[in-house]
């Protein structure tokens, strides 16, 4: 049972890190003074999205592509390649920006969403190409990873825009 849960969690790690961020947001909001304001809710959702769904996710992606490149390539349905190292170090950069954006301003949080969004939407297009042209329906190409590549950036931008719009409505102190 535990083996199955661990396997599902790791093989669906984009969703796992997103859900971890939601869980951390919920715990943080439960510990906040009441009543909660919209700004506080958006802040927690965005902060933990940046930390977990961007920061931890991409640091994990770095580890997988750099230290377990052969396994990561098989999961995607590809042959191992030196390109794994490049994807890994790009992921490390995204991950570190995500961690730094946890408690920062709009600019860094925009960067923490924009860079990974470009990468993920480009990867989603690549997954479609692989499915159509090469009939690659490996779990890492056509499974959860494909859908996460499309929807996680959208969710991140919803959190970012919600936080920014609510913050702008706040009276100046």
C-alpha atoms as a PDB file:
ATOM      1  CA  UNK A   1       0.000   0.000   0.000  1.00  0.00           C
ATOM      2  CA  UNK A   2       2.706   2.506   0.995  1.00  0.00           C
ATOM      3  CA  UNK A   3       4.735   1.407  -2.029  1.00  0.00           C
ATOM      4  CA  UNK A   4       1.777   2.180  -4.316  1.00  0.00           C
ATOM      5  CA  UNK A   5       1.219   5.611  -2.729  1.00  0.00           C
ATOM      6  CA  UNK A   6       4.903   6.489  -3.052  1.00  0.00           C
ATOM      7  CA  UNK A   7       4.993   5.314  -6.670  1.00  0.00           C
ATOM      8  CA  UNK A   8       1.894   7.382  -7.540  1.00  0.00           C
ATOM      9  CA  UNK A   9       3.234  10.436  -5.699  1.00  0.00           C
ATOM     10  CA  UNK A  10       6.625  10.317  -7.414  1.00  0.00           C
ATOM     11  CA  UNK A  11       5.386   9.423 -10.896  1.00  0.00           C
ATOM     12  CA  UNK A  12       2.860  12.276 -10.712  1.00  0.00           C
ATOM     13  CA  UNK A  13       5.198  14.711  -8.996  1.00  0.00           C
ATOM     14  CA  UNK A  14       3.954  17.913 -10.680  1.00  0.00           C
ATOM     15  CA  UNK A  15       0.492  17.310  -9.221  1.00  0.00           C
ATOM     16  CA  UNK A  16       1.969  16.090  -5.924  1.00  0.00           C
ATOM     17  CA  UNK A  17       3.952  19.303  -5.440  1.00  0.00           C
ATOM     18  CA  UNK A  18       0.932  21.403  -6.454  1.00  0.00           C
ATOM     19  CA  UNK A  19      -1.252  19.578  -3.906  1.00  0.00           C
ATOM     20  CA  UNK A  20       1.463  19.991  -1.262  1.00  0.00           C
ATOM     21  CA  UNK A  21       1.360  23.737  -1.935  1.00  0.00           C
ATOM     22  CA  UNK A  22      -2.433  23.779  -1.549  1.00  0.00           C
ATOM     23  CA  UNK A  23      -2.154  21.822   1.698  1.00  0.00           C
ATOM     24  CA  UNK A  24       0.472  24.241   3.047  1.00  0.00           C
ATOM     25  CA  UNK A  25      -1.746  27.174   2.000  1.00  0.00           C
ATOM     26  CA  UNK A  26      -4.681  25.660   3.874  1.00  0.00           C
ATOM     27  CA  UNK A  27      -2.612  25.086   7.021  1.00  0.00           C
ATOM     28  CA  UNK A  28      -1.197  28.610   6.849  1.00  0.00           C
ATOM     29  CA  UNK A  29      -4.665  30.098   6.355  1.00  0.00           C
ATOM     30  CA  UNK A  30      -6.011  28.060   9.281  1.00  0.00           C
ATOM     31  CA  UNK A  31      -3.338  29.648  11.483  1.00  0.00           C
ATOM     32  CA  UNK A  32      -4.124  33.220  10.346  1.00  0.00           C
ATOM     33  CA  UNK A  33      -6.119  35.698  12.386  1.00  0.00           C
ATOM     34  CA  UNK A  34      -9.769  35.739  11.443  1.00  0.00           C
ATOM     35  CA  UNK A  35     -11.565  37.051   9.509  1.00  0.00           C
ATOM     36  CA  UNK A  36      -9.440  36.230   6.493  1.00  0.00           C
ATOM     37  CA  UNK A  37      -9.183  38.860   3.782  1.00  0.00           C
ATOM     38  CA  UNK A  38      -9.089  38.061   0.076  1.00  0.00           C
ATOM     39  CA  UNK A  39      -5.579  39.468  -0.032  1.00  0.00           C
ATOM     40  CA  UNK A  40      -4.373  37.027   2.621  1.00  0.00           C
ATOM     41  CA  UNK A  41      -5.991  34.077   0.817  1.00  0.00           C
ATOM     42  CA  UNK A  42      -4.477  35.017  -2.569  1.00  0.00           C
ATOM     43  CA  UNK A  43      -1.114  35.708  -0.900  1.00  0.00           C
ATOM     44  CA  UNK A  44      -0.973  32.250   0.688  1.00  0.00           C
ATOM     45  CA  UNK A  45      -2.123  30.473  -2.476  1.00  0.00           C
ATOM     46  CA  UNK A  46       0.475  32.293  -4.584  1.00  0.00           C
ATOM     47  CA  UNK A  47       3.306  32.048  -2.040  1.00  0.00           C
ATOM     48  CA  UNK A  48       2.934  28.294  -1.590  1.00  0.00           C
ATOM     49  CA  UNK A  49       2.389  27.773  -5.309  1.00  0.00           C
ATOM     50  CA  UNK A  50       5.734  29.503  -5.950  1.00  0.00           C
ATOM     51  CA  UNK A  51       7.451  27.534  -3.187  1.00  0.00           C
ATOM     52  CA  UNK A  52       6.064  24.087  -3.922  1.00  0.00           C
ATOM     53  CA  UNK A  53       4.593  23.888  -7.444  1.00  0.00           C
ATOM     54  CA  UNK A  54       7.527  25.864  -8.880  1.00  0.00           C
ATOM     55  CA  UNK A  55      10.400  25.731  -6.366  1.00  0.00           C
ATOM     56  CA  UNK A  56      10.249  22.181  -5.019  1.00  0.00           C
ATOM     57  CA  UNK A  57       8.870  20.780  -8.294  1.00  0.00           C
ATOM     58  CA  UNK A  58      11.735  22.126 -10.399  1.00  0.00           C
ATOM     59  CA  UNK A  59      14.409  21.241  -7.845  1.00  0.00           C
ATOM     60  CA  UNK A  60      13.034  17.680  -7.914  1.00  0.00           C
ATOM     61  CA  UNK A  61      13.061  17.855 -11.732  1.00  0.00           C
ATOM     62  CA  UNK A  62      16.725  18.917 -11.541  1.00  0.00           C
ATOM     63  CA  UNK A  63      17.547  15.892  -9.383  1.00  0.00           C
ATOM     64  CA  UNK A  64      15.673  13.524 -11.695  1.00  0.00           C
ATOM     65  CA  UNK A  65      17.256  14.792 -14.934  1.00  0.00           C
ATOM     66  CA  UNK A  66      20.798  15.220 -13.595  1.00  0.00           C
ATOM     67  CA  UNK A  67      21.194  12.261 -11.243  1.00  0.00           C
ATOM     68  CA  UNK A  68      18.588   9.848 -12.632  1.00  0.00           C
ATOM     69  CA  UNK A  69      18.632  10.929 -16.267  1.00  0.00           C
ATOM     70  CA  UNK A  70      18.334   7.450 -17.725  1.00  0.00           C
ATOM     71  CA  UNK A  71      15.259   6.692 -15.615  1.00  0.00           C
ATOM     72  CA  UNK A  72      13.711  10.120 -16.416  1.00  0.00           C
ATOM     73  CA  UNK A  73      14.280   9.550 -20.146  1.00  0.00           C
ATOM     74  CA  UNK A  74      12.594   6.135 -19.996  1.00  0.00           C
ATOM     75  CA  UNK A  75       9.641   7.664 -18.140  1.00  0.00           C
ATOM     76  CA  UNK A  76       9.221  10.214 -20.954  1.00  0.00           C
ATOM     77  CA  UNK A  77       9.675   7.520 -23.606  1.00  0.00           C
ATOM     78  CA  UNK A  78      13.022   8.817 -24.886  1.00  0.00           C
ATOM     79  CA  UNK A  79      16.576   7.614 -25.065  1.00  0.00           C
ATOM     80  CA  UNK A  80      18.993   9.037 -22.481  1.00  0.00           C
ATOM     81  CA  UNK A  81      20.860  12.047 -23.814  1.00  0.00           C
ATOM     82  CA  UNK A  82      23.351  14.691 -22.666  1.00  0.00           C
ATOM     83  CA  UNK A  83      20.444  17.106 -23.071  1.00  0.00           C
ATOM     84  CA  UNK A  84      19.098  15.729 -19.773  1.00  0.00           C
ATOM     85  CA  UNK A  85      21.832  17.677 -17.996  1.00  0.00           C
ATOM     86  CA  UNK A  86      20.774  20.927 -19.673  1.00  0.00           C
ATOM     87  CA  UNK A  87      17.108  20.406 -18.780  1.00  0.00           C
ATOM     88  CA  UNK A  88      18.189  19.573 -15.241  1.00  0.00           C
ATOM     89  CA  UNK A  89      20.194  22.746 -14.735  1.00  0.00           C
ATOM     90  CA  UNK A  90      17.473  24.899 -16.318  1.00  0.00           C
ATOM     91  CA  UNK A  91      15.079  23.266 -13.849  1.00  0.00           C
ATOM     92  CA  UNK A  92      17.427  24.127 -10.986  1.00  0.00           C
ATOM     93  CA  UNK A  93      17.286  27.796 -12.014  1.00  0.00           C
ATOM     94  CA  UNK A  94      13.472  27.783 -12.159  1.00  0.00           C
ATOM     95  CA  UNK A  95      13.337  25.996  -8.813  1.00  0.00           C
ATOM     96  CA  UNK A  96      15.593  28.484  -7.054  1.00  0.00           C
ATOM     97  CA  UNK A  97      13.567  31.420  -8.426  1.00  0.00           C
ATOM     98  CA  UNK A  98      10.393  29.704  -7.154  1.00  0.00           C
ATOM     99  CA  UNK A  99      11.864  29.312  -3.665  1.00  0.00           C
ATOM    100  CA  UNK A 100      13.027  32.947  -3.636  1.00  0.00           C
ATOM    101  CA  UNK A 101       9.574  34.109  -4.820  1.00  0.00           C
ATOM    102  CA  UNK A 102       7.912  32.552  -1.764  1.00  0.00           C
ATOM    103  CA  UNK A 103       8.224  35.804   0.210  1.00  0.00           C
ATOM    104  CA  UNK A 104       8.902  38.408  -2.455  1.00  0.00           C
ATOM    105  CA  UNK A 105       7.289  41.040  -4.585  1.00  0.00           C
ATOM    106  CA  UNK A 106       5.251  40.944  -7.770  1.00  0.00           C
ATOM    107  CA  UNK A 107       8.264  41.073 -10.115  1.00  0.00           C
ATOM    108  CA  UNK A 108       9.957  37.973  -8.750  1.00  0.00           C
ATOM    109  CA  UNK A 109       6.654  36.124  -8.522  1.00  0.00           C
ATOM    110  CA  UNK A 110       5.907  37.033 -12.134  1.00  0.00           C
ATOM    111  CA  UNK A 111       9.331  35.645 -13.115  1.00  0.00           C
ATOM    112  CA  UNK A 112       8.664  32.490 -11.070  1.00  0.00           C
ATOM    113  CA  UNK A 113       5.532  31.920 -13.157  1.00  0.00           C
ATOM    114  CA  UNK A 114       6.584  33.226 -16.573  1.00  0.00           C
ATOM    115  CA  UNK A 115       9.803  31.237 -17.114  1.00  0.00           C
ATOM    116  CA  UNK A 116       8.320  27.866 -16.152  1.00  0.00           C
ATOM    117  CA  UNK A 117       5.132  28.635 -18.132  1.00  0.00           C
ATOM    118  CA  UNK A 118       7.156  29.135 -21.320  1.00  0.00           C
ATOM    119  CA  UNK A 119       9.052  25.924 -20.623  1.00  0.00           C
ATOM    120  CA  UNK A 120       5.939  23.902 -19.753  1.00  0.00           C
ATOM    121  CA  UNK A 121       3.812  25.097 -22.664  1.00  0.00           C
ATOM    122  CA  UNK A 122       6.707  24.428 -25.025  1.00  0.00           C
ATOM    123  CA  UNK A 123       7.081  20.973 -23.487  1.00  0.00           C
ATOM    124  CA  UNK A 124       3.329  20.354 -23.917  1.00  0.00           C
ATOM    125  CA  UNK A 125       3.653  21.184 -27.622  1.00  0.00           C
ATOM    126  CA  UNK A 126       6.581  18.765 -27.784  1.00  0.00           C
ATOM    127  CA  UNK A 127       4.499  16.086 -26.072  1.00  0.00           C
ATOM    128  CA  UNK A 128       1.729  16.535 -28.649  1.00  0.00           C
ATOM    129  CA  UNK A 129       4.284  16.236 -31.449  1.00  0.00           C
ATOM    130  CA  UNK A 130       5.689  13.058 -29.878  1.00  0.00           C
ATOM    131  CA  UNK A 131       2.191  11.576 -29.512  1.00  0.00           C
ATOM    132  CA  UNK A 132       1.087  12.396 -33.053  1.00  0.00           C
ATOM    133  CA  UNK A 133       4.272  11.733 -35.015  1.00  0.00           C
ATOM    134  CA  UNK A 134       5.996   9.044 -32.930  1.00  0.00           C
ATOM    135  CA  UNK A 135       2.994   7.542 -31.106  1.00  0.00           C
ATOM    136  CA  UNK A 136       4.802   8.129 -27.804  1.00  0.00           C
ATOM    137  CA  UNK A 137       2.204   7.579 -25.098  1.00  0.00           C
ATOM    138  CA  UNK A 138       4.663   6.892 -22.274  1.00  0.00           C
ATOM    139  CA  UNK A 139       3.388   8.128 -18.884  1.00  0.00           C
ATOM    140  CA  UNK A 140       5.950  10.947 -18.789  1.00  0.00           C
ATOM    141  CA  UNK A 141       4.922  12.141 -22.246  1.00  0.00           C
ATOM    142  CA  UNK A 142       1.155  11.636 -22.461  1.00  0.00           C
ATOM    143  CA  UNK A 143       0.099  11.203 -18.841  1.00  0.00           C
ATOM    144  CA  UNK A 144      -0.078  13.530 -15.891  1.00  0.00           C
ATOM    145  CA  UNK A 145       3.043  15.400 -17.020  1.00  0.00           C
ATOM    146  CA  UNK A 146       1.340  16.494 -20.256  1.00  0.00           C
ATOM    147  CA  UNK A 147      -1.727  17.863 -18.452  1.00  0.00           C
ATOM    148  CA  UNK A 148       0.391  19.470 -15.737  1.00  0.00           C
ATOM    149  CA  UNK A 149       2.424  21.226 -18.446  1.00  0.00           C
ATOM    150  CA  UNK A 150      -0.786  22.822 -19.702  1.00  0.00           C
ATOM    151  CA  UNK A 151      -2.725  23.581 -16.534  1.00  0.00           C
ATOM    152  CA  UNK A 152      -0.185  24.330 -13.774  1.00  0.00           C
ATOM    153  CA  UNK A 153       1.001  27.568 -15.430  1.00  0.00           C
ATOM    154  CA  UNK A 154      -2.617  28.655 -15.882  1.00  0.00           C
ATOM    155  CA  UNK A 155      -3.289  28.054 -12.178  1.00  0.00           C
ATOM    156  CA  UNK A 156      -0.119  29.945 -11.269  1.00  0.00           C
ATOM    157  CA  UNK A 157      -1.203  32.938 -13.339  1.00  0.00           C
ATOM    158  CA  UNK A 158      -4.691  32.846 -11.782  1.00  0.00           C
ATOM    159  CA  UNK A 159      -3.071  33.013  -8.315  1.00  0.00           C
ATOM    160  CA  UNK A 160      -0.714  35.788  -9.447  1.00  0.00           C
ATOM    161  CA  UNK A 161      -3.450  37.894 -11.042  1.00  0.00           C
ATOM    162  CA  UNK A 162      -5.832  37.325  -8.114  1.00  0.00           C
ATOM    163  CA  UNK A 163      -3.157  38.432  -5.646  1.00  0.00           C
ATOM    164  CA  UNK A 164      -2.123  41.430  -7.736  1.00  0.00           C
ATOM    165  CA  UNK A 165      -5.681  42.641  -8.362  1.00  0.00           C
ATOM    166  CA  UNK A 166      -6.617  42.289  -4.688  1.00  0.00           C
ATOM    167  CA  UNK A 167      -3.376  43.966  -3.559  1.00  0.00           C
ATOM    168  CA  UNK A 168      -4.037  46.940  -5.852  1.00  0.00           C
ATOM    169  CA  UNK A 169      -7.486  47.417  -4.290  1.00  0.00           C
ATOM    170  CA  UNK A 170      -5.944  47.689  -0.821  1.00  0.00           C
ATOM    171  CA  UNK A 171      -5.828  51.264   0.489  1.00  0.00           C
ATOM    172  CA  UNK A 172      -2.339  52.781   0.622  1.00  0.00           C
ATOM    173  CA  UNK A 173      -0.863  52.788   4.100  1.00  0.00           C
END
